[in-house]
C-alpha cells in the first residue's frame, strides 16, 4: 500500500485569523495616531488665528488708543469675532473660522481699555491646557 503525502501550501485558518487580527490592530493604531495629529494641527491653526486677531487688536489700539471701534459688528458677548470691526487690520477677517467644531467668540465686548475673545483647544498646546481660553490685551489665559 502506497502512502500518499499531501503537500499543503497556503495558510491554515488560525494563521489567517492571526494575520487579520494584526492588520486590524495596526489599522486601529494608525487611525488613533491620525486622529491625535489632526487635533494637534487644528490647535496649531487656532493659535495662529488667535495671534492674528491679537495683532489686529494691537494695531487698532496703536492707531486709536482704544479697542472700542472693534465693537462695531460684535457688540454682544457671544458674537463671532469675524463680525468685528477689525477688517482694516486683519485681511480675511470675514473668512476666519475655527478649523474644528468650535467658534472664536467675543467674551468681553471691546471697549476703551480691553477686549476678550474666547476660543477652545482640543489638546494641551504649548503650555496651554485643553479647553476654553480667553485672549485679552494681557495675552491668552
Protein backbone atom coordinates (compact mmCIF):
# COMPACT_ATOMS: atom_id res chain seq x y z
CA UNK A 1 0.00 0.00 0.00
CA UNK A 2 1.35 3.34 -1.01
CA UNK A 3 1.06 6.22 1.32
CA UNK A 4 0.12 9.48 -0.33
CA UNK A 5 1.76 12.52 1.20
CA UNK A 6 -0.14 15.68 0.53
CA UNK A 7 1.81 18.91 0.38
CA UNK A 8 -0.41 21.66 1.75
CA UNK A 9 0.64 25.06 0.61
CA UNK A 10 -1.07 28.12 1.98
CA UNK A 11 -2.20 29.25 5.37
CA UNK A 12 -4.29 27.50 7.92
CA UNK A 13 -7.41 29.15 9.27
CA UNK A 14 -5.67 30.02 12.55
CA UNK A 15 -2.74 31.65 10.76
CA UNK A 16 -5.11 33.64 8.59
CA UNK A 17 -7.09 34.86 11.62
CA UNK A 18 -3.88 35.92 13.38
CA UNK A 19 -2.76 37.92 10.34
CA UNK A 20 -6.16 39.60 10.01
CA UNK A 21 -6.08 40.44 13.74
CA UNK A 22 -2.62 42.01 13.42
CA UNK A 23 -3.70 44.09 10.43
CA UNK A 24 -6.79 45.22 12.33
CA UNK A 25 -4.68 46.26 15.33
CA UNK A 26 -2.27 48.20 13.09
CA UNK A 27 -5.12 49.98 11.32
CA UNK A 28 -6.74 50.90 14.66
CA UNK A 29 -3.44 52.25 15.99
CA UNK A 30 -2.90 54.23 12.79
CA UNK A 31 -6.35 55.81 13.00
CA UNK A 32 -5.77 56.74 16.65
CA UNK A 33 -2.45 58.42 15.83
CA UNK A 34 -4.01 60.19 12.84
CA UNK A 35 -6.87 61.50 14.98
CA UNK A 36 -4.45 62.90 17.57
CA UNK A 37 -2.34 64.51 14.86
CA UNK A 38 -5.38 66.16 13.28
CA UNK A 39 -6.36 67.65 16.66
CA UNK A 40 -2.83 68.98 17.09
CA UNK A 41 -2.93 70.59 13.64
CA UNK A 42 -6.32 72.19 14.37
CA UNK A 43 -4.99 73.58 17.66
CA UNK A 44 -1.94 74.93 15.85
CA UNK A 45 -4.25 76.71 13.39
CA UNK A 46 -6.31 78.11 16.29
CA UNK A 47 -3.22 79.58 17.94
CA UNK A 48 -2.16 81.11 14.61
CA UNK A 49 -5.63 82.64 14.14
CA UNK A 50 -5.72 83.98 17.70
CA UNK A 51 -2.27 85.51 17.22
CA UNK A 52 -3.53 87.29 14.10
CA UNK A 53 -6.61 88.53 15.97
CA UNK A 54 -4.39 89.78 18.80
CA UNK A 55 -2.18 91.63 16.30
CA UNK A 56 -5.25 93.26 14.74
CA UNK A 57 -6.47 94.48 18.15
CA UNK A 58 -2.98 95.83 18.90
CA UNK A 59 -2.83 97.70 15.60
CA UNK A 60 -6.26 99.19 16.31
CA UNK A 61 -5.14 100.28 19.78
CA UNK A 62 -1.92 101.85 18.48
CA UNK A 63 -3.91 103.83 15.93
CA UNK A 64 -6.97 104.80 18.03
CA UNK A 65 -5.77 104.38 21.67
CA UNK A 66 -8.93 102.32 22.19
CA UNK A 67 -10.40 98.95 21.26
CA UNK A 68 -13.93 100.35 21.06
CA UNK A 69 -14.03 100.66 17.26
CA UNK A 70 -13.74 96.88 17.01
CA UNK A 71 -17.13 96.56 18.74
CA UNK A 72 -18.95 97.57 15.56
CA UNK A 73 -20.41 94.29 14.34
CA UNK A 74 -19.69 92.40 17.55
CA UNK A 75 -21.34 94.45 20.27
CA UNK A 76 -22.56 91.47 22.32
CA UNK A 77 -20.90 88.68 24.24
CA UNK A 78 -21.12 85.52 22.13
CA UNK A 79 -20.85 87.27 18.76
CA UNK A 80 -18.39 85.78 16.29
CA UNK A 81 -15.08 87.60 16.06
CA UNK A 82 -15.20 87.59 12.27
CA UNK A 83 -18.03 90.16 12.52
CA UNK A 84 -15.92 92.68 14.48
CA UNK A 85 -14.70 95.95 13.02
CA UNK A 86 -11.15 94.70 12.53
CA UNK A 87 -11.25 94.26 8.76
CA UNK A 88 -8.81 97.14 8.20
CA UNK A 89 -6.27 95.46 10.45
CA UNK A 90 -6.84 91.81 9.59
CA UNK A 91 -7.13 90.67 5.98
CA UNK A 92 -9.59 87.84 5.50
CA UNK A 93 -11.41 88.54 8.76
CA UNK A 94 -14.79 87.52 7.30
CA UNK A 95 -13.44 84.09 6.37
CA UNK A 96 -11.78 83.50 9.75
CA UNK A 97 -13.28 80.33 11.22
CA UNK A 98 -12.26 77.79 13.81
CA UNK A 99 -10.88 74.75 11.95
CA UNK A 100 -12.97 72.36 14.04
CA UNK A 101 -16.33 72.44 15.76
CA UNK A 102 -15.73 75.50 17.97
CA UNK A 103 -16.01 79.25 17.35
CA UNK A 104 -13.97 82.33 18.08
CA UNK A 105 -16.42 84.39 20.12
CA UNK A 106 -16.43 87.69 21.94
CA UNK A 107 -16.26 87.11 25.70
CA UNK A 108 -15.79 90.80 26.54
CA UNK A 109 -17.14 93.46 24.20
CA UNK A 110 -14.26 95.67 23.03
CA UNK A 111 -14.24 98.97 24.92
CA UNK A 112 -11.73 101.73 25.62
CA UNK A 113 -9.35 99.56 27.61
CA UNK A 114 -9.79 95.85 26.88
CA UNK A 115 -11.42 93.09 24.83
CA UNK A 116 -11.99 89.36 25.20
CA UNK A 117 -12.02 86.60 22.60
CA UNK A 118 -12.89 83.06 23.72
CA UNK A 119 -11.56 80.02 21.91
CA UNK A 120 -11.08 76.32 22.66
CA UNK A 121 -8.18 73.92 22.36
CA UNK A 122 -8.78 70.20 21.90
CA UNK A 123 -5.46 69.17 23.44
CA UNK A 124 -2.79 70.78 25.60
CA UNK A 125 -0.66 73.00 23.38
CA UNK A 126 2.47 74.98 24.20
CA UNK A 127 1.79 75.42 27.91
CA UNK A 128 -1.95 75.90 27.44
CA UNK A 129 -4.31 73.23 28.73
CA UNK A 130 -7.11 71.71 26.68
CA UNK A 131 -10.40 73.58 26.99
CA UNK A 132 -11.57 77.18 26.80
CA UNK A 133 -9.17 80.12 26.83
CA UNK A 134 -9.61 83.87 26.55
CA UNK A 135 -7.46 86.30 24.61
CA UNK A 136 -7.33 89.81 26.07
CA UNK A 137 -4.93 92.73 25.96
CA UNK A 138 -2.88 90.83 28.56
CA UNK A 139 -2.49 87.76 26.33
CA UNK A 140 -4.03 84.29 26.47
CA UNK A 141 -5.35 82.91 29.75
